[in-house]
Amino acid sequence: DGRLKNDVLFCFDLELSLDFVPRPVDGEVDSFELLSLDIVIDLILQGKFKPNVVLVIVDFLFRHGVLEPELSSYLELISALRQGDCR
């Protein structure tokens, strides 16, 4: 609807065993899918994720070295993700 929402998103990585199968039980999502990084990037570029979800994915890509400092907009992107006050 074009409105901006000023939120703080706290992101955590949770390591799971390879045989773990998540089940949607809280009504927030219908299902889960395991996707390759290439597919996730394609879906982002197609606008298939909500903006707040894209922020979490981009944060993950920074923290895991997929987006590297050699990227021309690296500093601009990472500082935009880290702006704000979490008090």
C-alpha atoms as a PDB file:
ATOM      1  CA  ASP A   1       0.000   0.000   0.000  1.00  0.00           C
ATOM      2  CA  GLY A   2       3.059   2.286  -0.278  1.00  0.00           C
ATOM      3  CA  ARG A   3       3.431   3.013   3.433  1.00  0.00           C
ATOM      4  CA  LEU A   4       6.725   2.588   5.252  1.00  0.00           C
ATOM      5  CA  LYS A   5       6.950   0.968   8.661  1.00  0.00           C
ATOM      6  CA  ASN A   6       9.855   1.722  10.977  1.00  0.00           C
ATOM      7  CA  ASP A   7      10.729  -1.641  12.554  1.00  0.00           C
ATOM      8  CA  VAL A   8      13.741  -3.302  14.108  1.00  0.00           C
ATOM      9  CA  LEU A   9      14.223  -6.878  12.955  1.00  0.00           C
ATOM     10  CA  PHE A  10      16.413  -9.127  15.095  1.00  0.00           C
ATOM     11  CA  CYS A  11      17.889 -11.979  13.032  1.00  0.00           C
ATOM     12  CA  PHE A  12      19.218 -15.226  14.451  1.00  0.00           C
ATOM     13  CA  ASP A  13      20.675 -18.289  12.755  1.00  0.00           C
ATOM     14  CA  LEU A  14      19.428 -21.628  13.985  1.00  0.00           C
ATOM     15  CA  GLU A  15      21.379 -24.719  12.961  1.00  0.00           C
ATOM     16  CA  LEU A  16      19.130 -27.710  12.383  1.00  0.00           C
ATOM     17  CA  SER A  17      19.842 -31.342  11.657  1.00  0.00           C
ATOM     18  CA  LEU A  18      19.592 -32.377   8.010  1.00  0.00           C
ATOM     19  CA  ASP A  19      16.543 -34.521   8.745  1.00  0.00           C
ATOM     20  CA  PHE A  20      14.587 -31.695  10.427  1.00  0.00           C
ATOM     21  CA  VAL A  21      11.272 -30.966   8.697  1.00  0.00           C
ATOM     22  CA  PRO A  22       9.563 -27.731   9.814  1.00  0.00           C
ATOM     23  CA  ARG A  23       5.788 -27.747  10.200  1.00  0.00           C
ATOM     24  CA  PRO A  24       3.602 -24.636  10.031  1.00  0.00           C
ATOM     25  CA  VAL A  25       1.628 -24.602  13.276  1.00  0.00           C
ATOM     26  CA  ASP A  26       1.162 -20.932  14.213  1.00  0.00           C
ATOM     27  CA  GLY A  27      -0.914 -19.730  11.258  1.00  0.00           C
ATOM     28  CA  GLU A  28       1.828 -17.370  10.038  1.00  0.00           C
ATOM     29  CA  VAL A  29       2.802 -19.487   7.005  1.00  0.00           C
ATOM     30  CA  ASP A  30       1.189 -22.238   4.955  1.00  0.00           C
ATOM     31  CA  SER A  31       4.315 -24.282   4.239  1.00  0.00           C
ATOM     32  CA  PHE A  32       8.109 -24.312   4.157  1.00  0.00           C
ATOM     33  CA  GLU A  33      10.401 -24.976   1.192  1.00  0.00           C
ATOM     34  CA  LEU A  34      14.135 -25.599   1.002  1.00  0.00           C
ATOM     35  CA  LEU A  35      15.432 -23.431  -1.852  1.00  0.00           C
ATOM     36  CA  SER A  36      18.876 -22.986  -3.358  1.00  0.00           C
ATOM     37  CA  LEU A  37      20.533 -19.596  -3.079  1.00  0.00           C
ATOM     38  CA  ASP A  38      20.143 -19.066  -6.848  1.00  0.00           C
ATOM     39  CA  ILE A  39      16.392 -19.644  -6.628  1.00  0.00           C
ATOM     40  CA  VAL A  40      16.080 -17.320  -3.618  1.00  0.00           C
ATOM     41  CA  ILE A  41      17.915 -14.561  -5.503  1.00  0.00           C
ATOM     42  CA  ASP A  42      15.690 -15.081  -8.564  1.00  0.00           C
ATOM     43  CA  LEU A  43      12.574 -14.865  -6.377  1.00  0.00           C
ATOM     44  CA  ILE A  44      13.852 -11.654  -4.775  1.00  0.00           C
ATOM     45  CA  LEU A  45      14.442 -10.122  -8.217  1.00  0.00           C
ATOM     46  CA  GLN A  46      10.925 -11.185  -9.272  1.00  0.00           C
ATOM     47  CA  GLY A  47       9.445  -9.444  -6.222  1.00  0.00           C
ATOM     48  CA  LYS A  48       8.086 -12.697  -4.745  1.00  0.00           C
ATOM     49  CA  PHE A  49       9.085 -11.890  -1.155  1.00  0.00           C
ATOM     50  CA  LYS A  50       7.714  -9.192   1.137  1.00  0.00           C
ATOM     51  CA  PRO A  51      10.191  -6.311   1.667  1.00  0.00           C
ATOM     52  CA  ASN A  52      10.839  -7.209   5.317  1.00  0.00           C
ATOM     53  CA  VAL A  53      11.705 -10.777   4.257  1.00  0.00           C
ATOM     54  CA  VAL A  54      14.181  -9.475   1.663  1.00  0.00           C
ATOM     55  CA  LEU A  55      15.916  -7.450   4.393  1.00  0.00           C
ATOM     56  CA  VAL A  56      16.382 -10.586   6.493  1.00  0.00           C
ATOM     57  CA  ILE A  57      17.722 -12.527   3.490  1.00  0.00           C
ATOM     58  CA  VAL A  58      20.147  -9.732   2.548  1.00  0.00           C
ATOM     59  CA  ASP A  59      21.336  -9.555   6.166  1.00  0.00           C
ATOM     60  CA  PHE A  60      21.962 -13.324   6.065  1.00  0.00           C
ATOM     61  CA  LEU A  61      23.915 -12.963   2.798  1.00  0.00           C
ATOM     62  CA  PHE A  62      26.140 -10.288   4.384  1.00  0.00           C
ATOM     63  CA  ARG A  63      26.738 -12.248   7.592  1.00  0.00           C
ATOM     64  CA  HIS A  64      27.652 -15.421   5.680  1.00  0.00           C
ATOM     65  CA  GLY A  65      29.993 -13.750   3.190  1.00  0.00           C
ATOM     66  CA  VAL A  66      27.846 -14.237   0.096  1.00  0.00           C
ATOM     67  CA  LEU A  67      27.769 -10.456  -0.407  1.00  0.00           C
ATOM     68  CA  GLU A  68      31.395  -9.382  -0.157  1.00  0.00           C
ATOM     69  CA  PRO A  69      33.069  -5.984   0.366  1.00  0.00           C
ATOM     70  CA  GLU A  70      34.080  -5.919  -3.320  1.00  0.00           C
ATOM     71  CA  LEU A  71      30.418  -5.340  -4.221  1.00  0.00           C
ATOM     72  CA  SER A  72      30.161  -1.741  -5.423  1.00  0.00           C
ATOM     73  CA  SER A  73      27.262  -0.854  -3.103  1.00  0.00           C
ATOM     74  CA  TYR A  74      28.434  -2.983  -0.152  1.00  0.00           C
ATOM     75  CA  LEU A  75      29.008  -0.167   2.345  1.00  0.00           C
ATOM     76  CA  GLU A  76      25.830   1.648   1.352  1.00  0.00           C
ATOM     77  CA  LEU A  77      23.718  -1.497   1.729  1.00  0.00           C
ATOM     78  CA  ILE A  78      25.217  -2.666   4.998  1.00  0.00           C
ATOM     79  CA  SER A  79      24.959   0.774   6.601  1.00  0.00           C
ATOM     80  CA  ALA A  80      21.315   1.027   5.482  1.00  0.00           C
ATOM     81  CA  LEU A  81      20.617  -2.326   7.159  1.00  0.00           C
ATOM     82  CA  ARG A  82      22.350  -1.260  10.379  1.00  0.00           C
ATOM     83  CA  GLN A  83      20.838   2.216  10.756  1.00  0.00           C
ATOM     84  CA  GLY A  84      18.470   3.142  13.515  1.00  0.00           C
ATOM     85  CA  ASP A  85      18.250   2.906  17.253  1.00  0.00           C
ATOM     86  CA  CYS A  86      17.464  -0.380  18.997  1.00  0.00           C
ATOM     87  CA  ARG A  87      16.970   1.014  22.490  1.00  0.00           C
END
